[in-house]
Amino acid sequence: MAIVLPFKAVRPDKKFVAQVAALPYDVMTREEGKKAVSGNPLSFMHVEKSEIDVPDKTKSDDPLIYQTAKRNFTDMRVKGILIQDESPHFYVYRQKMGTRAQTGIVGVMNASEYDAGKIKKHELTRQDKEEDRIRHVDTVNAQTGPVFISYRERPGINTIVDHVTFGMPEYDFTSDDGVTHTVWIISDSRHIEEIKKEFLAVDALYIADGHHRAAAAAAIARTRRAKESARGFAGEYESVLAVFFPDTQLRVMDYNRAVKDLNGLTPDQFIDKIGSAFIVSKDFSDRSPNQLHDFGMYLGGQWHKLTVKEGVYDKNDPVASLDVAILQEHLLYPVLGIKDPRVDDRIKFIGGIRGMDELEKLVNQDGFAVAFSLYPTTMEQIINVADAGAIMPPKSTWFEPKLRSGLFTHRLD
């Protein structure tokens, strides 16, 4: 059973929506953020990543950053750039990238269900990043970006979405990266009740992306609940902003790796050592694998295909059977000496959106010794790991397109 409810979204006036919508705060550096908003004072990046508006020498946890976010959010509301709906709604959010589209329902889920394990995760969070989001949301008093949630597809929800999307959208624009964003408002009370009822029949919700947002929202709810329960008051802090997508629509892209050196080995020695776990084939013209448990390897200006040997991993273990785990446990660690990829500066992670040319560039021009292309983790694998209560290795999933921030904000008051 999943509790999913409508809410009163703070969202852009439709004439400003294309300027307001911004990429998530965590997909770019401060400098990249500054460049992205150059000449656009309406970008929601000024709220989500407010360090772009403070002096460069400001420490990453300085209260000035969070106060700046609060001021910018208030200014956008006062100026009418952002408006708030007077009654609770669900919203339908469709993203189209190339020929592919994904369509989800925007609403809020229950923070207590996160603590109870009904909203399932597959990644560990970093304490510093979680604390950053706690300070940000607490200071702004709003959840400024949604958690990316998946659920096992339900035909009843699909039927409602199909009906709603037949009508006129509230927003319809294309962002600079070529992704089309379309939003419909669900105001029919019958549809709202049907959606709530349908989600009550969903066994579990799965965090696809946004683990730090979810953890921060739950932490704030625990703190405020403890303070305010004595007064018998339960506020909006109990709800967590999210976009809910059926598992059949989501696209997980490959998340590739490059390593700076061969850990003291010559190329021939390296290939010989990895042969204990992998079959190595030269002249791999595809560059990118077309099935699970195959890997591409770019070494010495040449692509190779790696196929994991039988018996190397446990097929019944949802984590050990992941390609990212196979590469880590049977090559990166034992051969290249990368014990903890989260902290080792010899390894670089490259989202599949950047393509195979980026891997070649890293080796040919940027001083890396070897690069690996992986087959994308599947949604079924993500769900299996989450259902087992297990955790994926770092950098296992890369979702595209990214949800835009600024289209929906959930105030906590």
Protein backbone atom coordinates (compact mmCIF):
# COMPACT_ATOMS: atom_id res chain seq x y z
CA MET A 1 0.00 0.00 0.00
CA ALA A 2 1.39 3.40 -1.03
CA ILE A 3 -0.03 6.68 0.22
CA VAL A 4 0.16 9.17 -2.66
CA LEU A 5 -1.74 12.44 -2.35
CA PRO A 6 -2.41 15.64 -4.32
CA PHE A 7 -0.89 18.93 -3.15
CA LYS A 8 -0.96 22.67 -3.78
CA ALA A 9 2.02 23.14 -6.06
CA VAL A 10 4.05 26.30 -6.25
CA ARG A 11 4.80 26.49 -9.96
CA PRO A 12 5.70 28.98 -12.69
CA ASP A 13 3.26 31.33 -14.32
CA LYS A 14 2.96 29.72 -17.75
CA LYS A 15 4.52 32.68 -19.55
CA PHE A 16 7.74 32.18 -17.55
CA VAL A 17 7.92 28.38 -17.44
CA ALA A 18 10.67 27.84 -20.03
CA GLN A 19 12.92 30.36 -18.28
CA VAL A 20 12.23 29.02 -14.78
CA ALA A 21 12.71 25.29 -15.44
CA ALA A 22 16.24 24.18 -14.54
CA LEU A 23 18.32 21.04 -14.35
CA PRO A 24 18.70 19.49 -10.87
CA TYR A 25 21.21 21.04 -8.49
CA ASP A 26 23.49 18.01 -8.41
CA VAL A 27 24.27 17.51 -12.10
CA MET A 28 26.63 20.46 -12.46
CA THR A 29 29.36 22.32 -10.63
CA ARG A 30 29.04 25.85 -9.29
CA GLU A 31 30.86 27.23 -12.34
CA GLU A 32 28.68 25.24 -14.72
CA GLY A 33 25.62 26.51 -12.86
CA LYS A 34 26.74 30.11 -13.21
CA LYS A 35 27.25 29.64 -16.92
CA ALA A 36 23.88 27.94 -17.32
CA VAL A 37 21.96 30.87 -15.79
CA SER A 38 23.95 33.63 -17.44
CA GLY A 39 21.44 36.19 -18.67
CA ASN A 40 18.50 34.36 -17.09
CA PRO A 41 17.53 35.80 -13.69
CA LEU A 42 14.35 33.69 -13.68
CA SER A 43 16.09 30.32 -13.63
CA PHE A 44 15.12 28.17 -10.66
CA MET A 45 18.81 27.38 -10.38
CA HIS A 46 18.97 30.57 -8.28
CA VAL A 47 16.90 28.67 -5.69
CA GLU A 48 18.09 25.08 -6.12
CA LYS A 49 21.79 25.88 -6.42
CA SER A 50 22.00 29.27 -4.75
CA GLU A 51 25.78 29.07 -4.28
CA ILE A 52 25.94 30.53 -7.80
CA ASP A 53 24.75 33.83 -6.27
CA VAL A 54 27.26 34.13 -3.42
CA PRO A 55 30.98 35.00 -3.50
CA ASP A 56 33.18 32.22 -4.88
CA LYS A 57 35.13 31.88 -1.64
CA THR A 58 31.97 31.09 0.35
CA LYS A 59 32.18 27.67 2.03
CA SER A 60 29.75 25.06 0.75
CA ASP A 61 27.89 24.87 4.08
CA ASP A 62 27.79 28.61 4.80
CA PRO A 63 24.31 29.71 6.01
CA LEU A 64 24.50 32.53 3.45
CA ILE A 65 23.90 29.98 0.68
CA TYR A 66 20.65 28.76 2.21
CA GLN A 67 19.45 32.26 3.12
CA THR A 68 20.11 33.30 -0.48
CA ALA A 69 17.96 30.41 -1.70
CA LYS A 70 15.15 31.49 0.62
CA ARG A 71 15.38 35.10 -0.53
CA ASN A 72 15.39 34.12 -4.21
CA PHE A 73 12.39 31.82 -3.74
CA THR A 74 10.45 34.54 -1.91
CA ASP A 75 11.32 37.10 -4.59
CA MET A 76 10.04 34.84 -7.36
CA ARG A 77 6.74 34.39 -5.55
CA VAL A 78 6.33 38.08 -4.73
CA LYS A 79 7.00 39.04 -8.35
CA GLY A 80 4.44 36.55 -9.64
CA ILE A 81 6.99 34.43 -11.45
CA LEU A 82 5.86 31.56 -9.23
CA ILE A 83 2.23 31.06 -8.27
CA GLN A 84 0.56 28.58 -5.91
CA ASP A 85 -2.55 26.57 -6.70
CA GLU A 86 -5.40 27.24 -4.30
CA SER A 87 -6.54 23.62 -4.05
CA PRO A 88 -4.66 20.30 -4.10
CA HIS A 89 -4.08 18.68 -7.48
CA PHE A 90 -2.20 15.86 -9.07
CA TYR A 91 -0.24 16.78 -12.18
CA VAL A 92 0.90 14.78 -15.19
CA TYR A 93 4.47 15.44 -16.32
CA ARG A 94 5.67 14.09 -19.66
CA GLN A 95 9.23 14.32 -20.94
CA LYS A 96 10.13 13.47 -24.52
CA MET A 97 13.74 12.99 -25.60
CA GLY A 98 14.12 12.00 -29.23
CA THR A 99 11.54 9.33 -29.97
CA ARG A 100 11.15 8.24 -26.34
CA ALA A 101 8.70 9.63 -23.80
CA GLN A 102 8.12 9.01 -20.11
CA THR A 103 4.97 10.17 -18.37
CA GLY A 104 4.53 10.36 -14.62
CA ILE A 105 2.14 11.67 -11.99
CA VAL A 106 3.32 14.47 -9.72
CA GLY A 107 2.13 14.27 -6.13
CA VAL A 108 3.40 13.77 -2.61
CA MET A 109 4.21 10.59 -0.70
CA ASN A 110 4.37 10.00 3.04
CA ALA A 111 7.64 10.55 4.91
CA SER A 112 6.72 7.91 7.50
CA GLU A 113 6.51 5.31 4.74
CA TYR A 114 10.13 6.10 3.86
CA ASP A 115 11.15 5.42 7.46
CA ALA A 116 9.09 2.21 7.44
CA GLY A 117 10.88 0.94 4.33
CA LYS A 118 7.82 1.06 2.09
CA ILE A 119 9.59 3.60 -0.12
CA LYS A 120 12.54 1.50 -1.15
CA LYS A 121 16.05 2.69 -1.90
CA HIS A 122 18.99 1.11 -3.68
CA GLU A 123 21.77 3.61 -2.91
CA LEU A 124 23.57 4.82 0.19
CA THR A 125 23.50 8.54 0.84
CA ARG A 126 26.49 10.68 1.74
CA GLN A 127 26.08 12.50 5.03
CA ASP A 128 27.45 15.80 3.72
CA LYS A 129 25.06 15.81 0.77
CA GLU A 130 22.12 14.81 2.93
CA GLU A 131 22.88 17.59 5.43
CA ASP A 132 23.13 20.09 2.58
CA ARG A 133 19.60 19.23 1.42
CA ILE A 134 18.29 19.30 4.99
CA ARG A 135 19.62 22.83 5.49
CA HIS A 136 18.33 23.92 2.10
CA VAL A 137 14.78 22.58 2.53
CA ASP A 138 14.58 23.64 6.18
CA THR A 139 15.66 27.21 5.40
CA VAL A 140 13.56 27.68 2.26
CA ASN A 141 10.73 25.83 4.01
CA ALA A 142 9.96 24.03 0.79
CA GLN A 143 10.94 20.94 -1.16
CA THR A 144 12.30 22.56 -4.29
CA GLY A 145 12.77 19.46 -6.42
CA PRO A 146 10.98 16.11 -6.71
CA VAL A 147 12.20 12.63 -5.88
CA PHE A 148 12.22 10.40 -8.98
CA ILE A 149 10.00 7.41 -8.09
CA SER A 150 9.08 4.24 -9.97
CA TYR A 151 6.36 1.71 -9.31
CA ARG A 152 5.23 -1.48 -10.98
CA GLU A 153 2.88 -0.41 -13.76
CA ARG A 154 -0.86 -0.32 -13.07
CA PRO A 155 -3.31 -0.22 -15.99
CA GLY A 156 -5.79 1.83 -13.96
CA ILE A 157 -3.31 4.68 -13.57
CA ASN A 158 -2.40 4.46 -17.26
CA THR A 159 -6.06 4.87 -18.21
CA ILE A 160 -6.40 8.06 -16.16
CA VAL A 161 -3.17 9.47 -17.56
CA ASP A 162 -4.30 8.71 -21.12
CA HIS A 163 -7.57 10.54 -20.50
CA VAL A 164 -5.90 13.59 -18.94
CA THR A 165 -3.21 13.91 -21.61
CA PHE A 166 -5.88 14.00 -24.31
CA GLY A 167 -6.73 17.48 -23.03
CA MET A 168 -4.98 20.84 -23.24
CA PRO A 169 -1.68 21.03 -21.34
CA GLU A 170 -0.80 23.75 -18.85
CA TYR A 171 2.84 23.81 -20.00
CA ASP A 172 4.48 22.66 -23.21
CA PHE A 173 8.04 23.74 -23.98
CA THR A 174 11.40 22.42 -25.14
CA SER A 175 14.52 22.97 -23.03
CA ASP A 176 17.95 23.81 -24.41
CA ASP A 177 18.97 20.15 -24.45
CA GLY A 178 16.13 19.26 -26.81
CA VAL A 179 13.87 17.61 -24.23
CA THR A 180 10.18 18.51 -24.52
CA HIS A 181 8.35 19.02 -21.21
CA THR A 182 4.56 18.90 -21.06
CA VAL A 183 2.40 19.27 -17.95
CA TRP A 184 -1.32 18.74 -17.40
CA ILE A 185 -3.26 19.60 -14.23
CA ILE A 186 -5.58 16.95 -12.79
CA SER A 187 -8.42 18.87 -11.18
CA ASP A 188 -11.31 16.41 -11.62
CA SER A 189 -12.12 15.11 -8.13
CA ARG A 190 -13.07 11.69 -9.52
CA HIS A 191 -9.66 11.28 -11.14
CA ILE A 192 -7.94 12.45 -7.97
CA GLU A 193 -9.76 9.86 -5.87
CA GLU A 194 -9.12 7.13 -8.45
CA ILE A 195 -5.39 7.87 -8.45
CA LYS A 196 -5.24 7.75 -4.65
CA LYS A 197 -7.11 4.44 -4.70
CA GLU A 198 -4.87 2.96 -7.40
CA PHE A 199 -1.71 3.78 -5.47
CA LEU A 200 -3.15 2.14 -2.35
CA ALA A 201 -2.93 -1.10 -4.35
CA VAL A 202 0.76 -0.54 -5.18
CA ASP A 203 2.97 -2.81 -3.07
CA ALA A 204 6.00 -0.51 -2.95
CA LEU A 205 7.52 2.66 -4.34
CA TYR A 206 11.10 2.63 -5.58
CA ILE A 207 13.49 5.58 -5.54
CA ALA A 208 15.03 5.71 -9.00
CA ASP A 209 16.89 8.97 -8.39
CA GLY A 210 16.90 11.55 -5.63
CA HIS A 211 18.00 9.49 -2.63
CA HIS A 212 19.41 12.59 -0.89
CA ARG A 213 16.18 14.54 -1.42
CA ALA A 214 14.15 11.69 0.05
CA ALA A 215 16.46 11.19 3.02
CA ALA A 216 16.48 14.93 3.76
CA ALA A 217 12.68 15.16 3.59
CA ALA A 218 12.30 12.23 5.99
CA ALA A 219 14.85 13.71 8.40
CA ILE A 220 13.06 17.06 8.46
CA ALA A 221 9.73 15.30 9.03
CA ARG A 222 11.15 13.43 12.03
CA THR A 223 12.52 16.62 13.56
CA ARG A 224 9.40 18.72 13.03
CA ARG A 225 7.11 15.88 14.06
CA ALA A 226 8.89 15.62 17.40
CA LYS A 227 8.57 19.37 17.97
CA GLU A 228 4.98 19.79 16.87
CA SER A 229 3.27 16.53 17.90
CA ALA A 230 2.72 17.88 21.40
CA ARG A 231 0.49 20.53 19.84
CA GLY A 232 -1.43 17.90 17.90
CA PHE A 233 -0.38 19.46 14.60
CA ALA A 234 0.76 17.55 11.52
CA GLY A 235 2.07 19.81 8.78
CA GLU A 236 3.03 19.54 5.14
CA TYR A 237 6.45 18.36 6.29
CA GLU A 238 4.90 14.87 6.47
CA SER A 239 4.66 14.83 2.67
CA VAL A 240 7.49 14.37 0.15
CA LEU A 241 7.36 15.82 -3.36
CA ALA A 242 7.82 13.19 -6.07
CA VAL A 243 7.12 12.24 -9.66
CA PHE A 244 5.80 8.68 -10.00
CA PHE A 245 6.63 6.79 -13.20
CA PRO A 246 5.57 3.25 -14.16
CA ASP A 247 8.61 0.99 -14.36
CA THR A 248 7.93 0.16 -18.01
CA GLN A 249 8.57 3.72 -19.16
CA LEU A 250 11.90 4.52 -17.54
CA ARG A 251 15.16 4.46 -19.41
CA VAL A 252 18.31 3.64 -17.51
CA MET A 253 21.44 4.57 -19.43
CA ASP A 254 24.88 3.05 -19.13
CA TYR A 255 27.25 4.45 -16.50
CA ASN A 256 30.78 3.95 -17.75
CA ARG A 257 34.22 4.06 -16.15
CA ALA A 258 37.73 5.24 -17.01
CA VAL A 259 40.90 4.60 -14.97
CA LYS A 260 44.05 6.72 -15.01
CA ASP A 261 46.65 3.90 -14.89
CA LEU A 262 47.08 0.13 -15.07
CA ASN A 263 48.31 -0.21 -11.48
CA GLY A 264 51.92 -0.77 -12.57
CA LEU A 265 51.09 -3.35 -15.24
CA THR A 266 51.96 -3.25 -18.92
CA PRO A 267 49.01 -3.57 -21.32
CA ASP A 268 49.92 -7.21 -22.03
CA GLN A 269 50.23 -8.03 -18.33
CA PHE A 270 46.91 -6.32 -17.67
CA ILE A 271 45.09 -8.30 -20.37
CA ASP A 272 46.67 -11.51 -19.09
CA LYS A 273 45.49 -10.85 -15.51
CA ILE A 274 41.89 -10.02 -16.42
CA GLY A 275 41.75 -13.26 -18.41
CA SER A 276 41.08 -15.19 -15.22
CA ALA A 277 37.55 -13.74 -15.03
CA PHE A 278 36.87 -12.53 -18.57
CA ILE A 279 37.13 -13.77 -22.14
CA VAL A 280 38.96 -10.97 -23.99
CA SER A 281 38.22 -10.42 -27.70
CA LYS A 282 39.93 -7.78 -29.84
CA ASP A 283 38.47 -5.53 -32.54
CA PHE A 284 35.15 -4.80 -30.82
CA SER A 285 33.66 -2.44 -33.40
CA ASP A 286 30.37 -2.01 -31.52
CA ARG A 287 32.26 -0.26 -28.67
CA SER A 288 29.19 -0.57 -26.42
CA PRO A 289 27.89 -3.99 -25.24
CA ASN A 290 24.48 -5.14 -26.42
CA GLN A 291 23.69 -7.52 -23.56
CA LEU A 292 24.22 -7.98 -19.85
CA HIS A 293 27.57 -9.37 -18.66
CA ASP A 294 29.46 -8.13 -21.72
CA PHE A 295 31.75 -5.09 -21.46
CA GLY A 296 33.59 -2.85 -23.87
CA MET A 297 37.20 -1.96 -23.02
CA TYR A 298 39.21 0.78 -24.74
CA LEU A 299 42.93 0.22 -24.26
CA GLY A 300 45.89 1.36 -26.34
CA GLY A 301 43.70 2.93 -29.01
CA GLN A 302 41.75 -0.29 -29.56
CA TRP A 303 38.37 -1.58 -28.43
CA HIS A 304 38.11 -5.01 -26.85
CA LYS A 305 35.08 -7.03 -25.79
CA LEU A 306 35.06 -8.61 -22.33
CA THR A 307 32.67 -11.47 -21.59
CA VAL A 308 32.49 -12.66 -18.00
CA LYS A 309 33.25 -16.35 -17.60
CA GLU A 310 30.81 -18.88 -16.18
CA GLY A 311 31.00 -19.29 -12.43
CA VAL A 312 32.69 -15.96 -11.76
CA TYR A 313 29.66 -14.42 -10.00
CA ASP A 314 26.59 -15.64 -8.12
CA LYS A 315 23.65 -15.50 -10.52
CA ASN A 316 21.19 -15.65 -7.62
CA ASP A 317 22.60 -12.62 -5.82
CA PRO A 318 20.83 -9.43 -7.03
CA VAL A 319 23.90 -7.28 -6.29
CA ALA A 320 26.75 -9.63 -7.23
CA SER A 321 25.11 -10.26 -10.61
CA LEU A 322 25.05 -6.56 -11.55
CA ASP A 323 27.54 -5.66 -14.26
CA VAL A 324 28.84 -2.75 -12.19
CA ALA A 325 29.53 -5.19 -9.34
CA ILE A 326 31.15 -7.76 -11.64
CA LEU A 327 33.50 -5.13 -13.06
CA GLN A 328 34.32 -3.77 -9.61
CA GLU A 329 34.84 -7.07 -7.80
CA HIS A 330 36.61 -8.98 -10.56
CA LEU A 331 38.65 -6.30 -12.36
CA LEU A 332 38.76 -2.81 -10.88
CA TYR A 333 39.63 -3.96 -7.36
CA PRO A 334 41.73 -7.13 -7.80
CA VAL A 335 43.61 -6.01 -10.92
CA LEU A 336 43.64 -2.20 -10.83
CA GLY A 337 43.62 -1.79 -7.05
CA ILE A 338 40.53 0.40 -6.84
CA LYS A 339 39.09 -0.72 -3.50
CA ASP A 340 36.55 2.05 -2.93
CA PRO A 341 35.47 3.80 -6.14
CA ARG A 342 33.64 6.47 -4.14
CA VAL A 343 36.89 8.00 -2.90
CA ASP A 344 39.60 6.80 -5.32
CA ASP A 345 40.63 9.67 -7.60
CA ARG A 346 42.10 7.26 -10.17
CA ILE A 347 38.63 6.42 -11.47
CA LYS A 348 36.17 8.61 -13.36
CA PHE A 349 32.49 7.88 -14.01
CA ILE A 350 30.91 8.90 -17.31
CA GLY A 351 27.17 9.01 -17.91
CA GLY A 352 26.06 7.21 -21.06
CA ILE A 353 24.52 10.40 -22.42
CA ARG A 354 28.08 11.45 -23.33
CA GLY A 355 28.62 8.47 -25.62
CA MET A 356 31.57 6.28 -26.53
CA ASP A 357 33.51 9.15 -28.09
CA GLU A 358 33.95 10.59 -24.61
CA LEU A 359 35.59 7.36 -23.43
CA GLU A 360 37.99 7.42 -26.36
CA LYS A 361 38.81 11.06 -25.67
CA LEU A 362 39.67 10.32 -22.04
CA VAL A 363 42.20 7.70 -23.12
CA ASN A 364 43.50 9.36 -26.28
CA GLN A 365 43.76 12.94 -25.02
CA ASP A 366 43.15 13.25 -21.27
CA GLY A 367 45.72 10.89 -19.83
CA PHE A 368 43.56 7.93 -18.84
CA ALA A 369 44.92 4.42 -19.43
CA VAL A 370 41.75 2.42 -19.97
CA ALA A 371 37.99 2.92 -20.26
CA PHE A 372 35.09 0.52 -19.86
CA SER A 373 31.62 0.65 -21.40
CA LEU A 374 28.82 -1.18 -19.59
CA TYR A 375 25.39 -2.45 -20.51
CA PRO A 376 22.75 -0.38 -18.68
CA THR A 377 21.35 -1.65 -15.40
CA THR A 378 17.71 -2.62 -15.94
CA MET A 379 14.71 -1.42 -13.95
CA GLU A 380 14.03 -5.04 -13.00
CA GLN A 381 17.51 -5.29 -11.49
CA ILE A 382 16.98 -2.07 -9.53
CA ILE A 383 13.68 -3.34 -8.16
CA ASN A 384 15.18 -6.72 -7.26
CA VAL A 385 18.01 -5.08 -5.32
CA ALA A 386 15.60 -2.76 -3.50
CA ASP A 387 13.20 -5.61 -2.68
CA ALA A 388 16.11 -7.57 -1.20
CA GLY A 389 16.94 -4.61 1.04
CA ALA A 390 20.36 -4.45 -0.59
CA ILE A 391 22.45 -1.56 -1.87
CA MET A 392 23.89 -1.11 -5.35
CA PRO A 393 27.54 -0.21 -5.93
CA PRO A 394 28.23 3.50 -6.46
CA LYS A 395 27.33 4.98 -9.85
CA SER A 396 25.18 2.06 -10.98
CA THR A 397 22.41 4.02 -12.71
CA TRP A 398 22.11 7.05 -14.97
CA PHE A 399 18.60 8.21 -15.81
CA GLU A 400 17.73 10.40 -18.77
CA PRO A 401 16.05 12.73 -19.23
CA LYS A 402 16.53 14.53 -15.92
CA LEU A 403 13.49 15.92 -14.11
CA ARG A 404 13.39 19.71 -14.25
CA SER A 405 13.40 21.67 -11.02
CA GLY A 406 11.13 24.67 -10.65
CA LEU A 407 8.08 23.17 -12.32
CA PHE A 408 6.73 21.94 -8.97
CA THR A 409 7.64 23.05 -5.46
CA HIS A 410 6.06 21.78 -2.25
CA ARG A 411 5.87 24.29 0.60
CA LEU A 412 6.10 22.93 4.12
CA ASP A 413 3.84 25.52 5.75
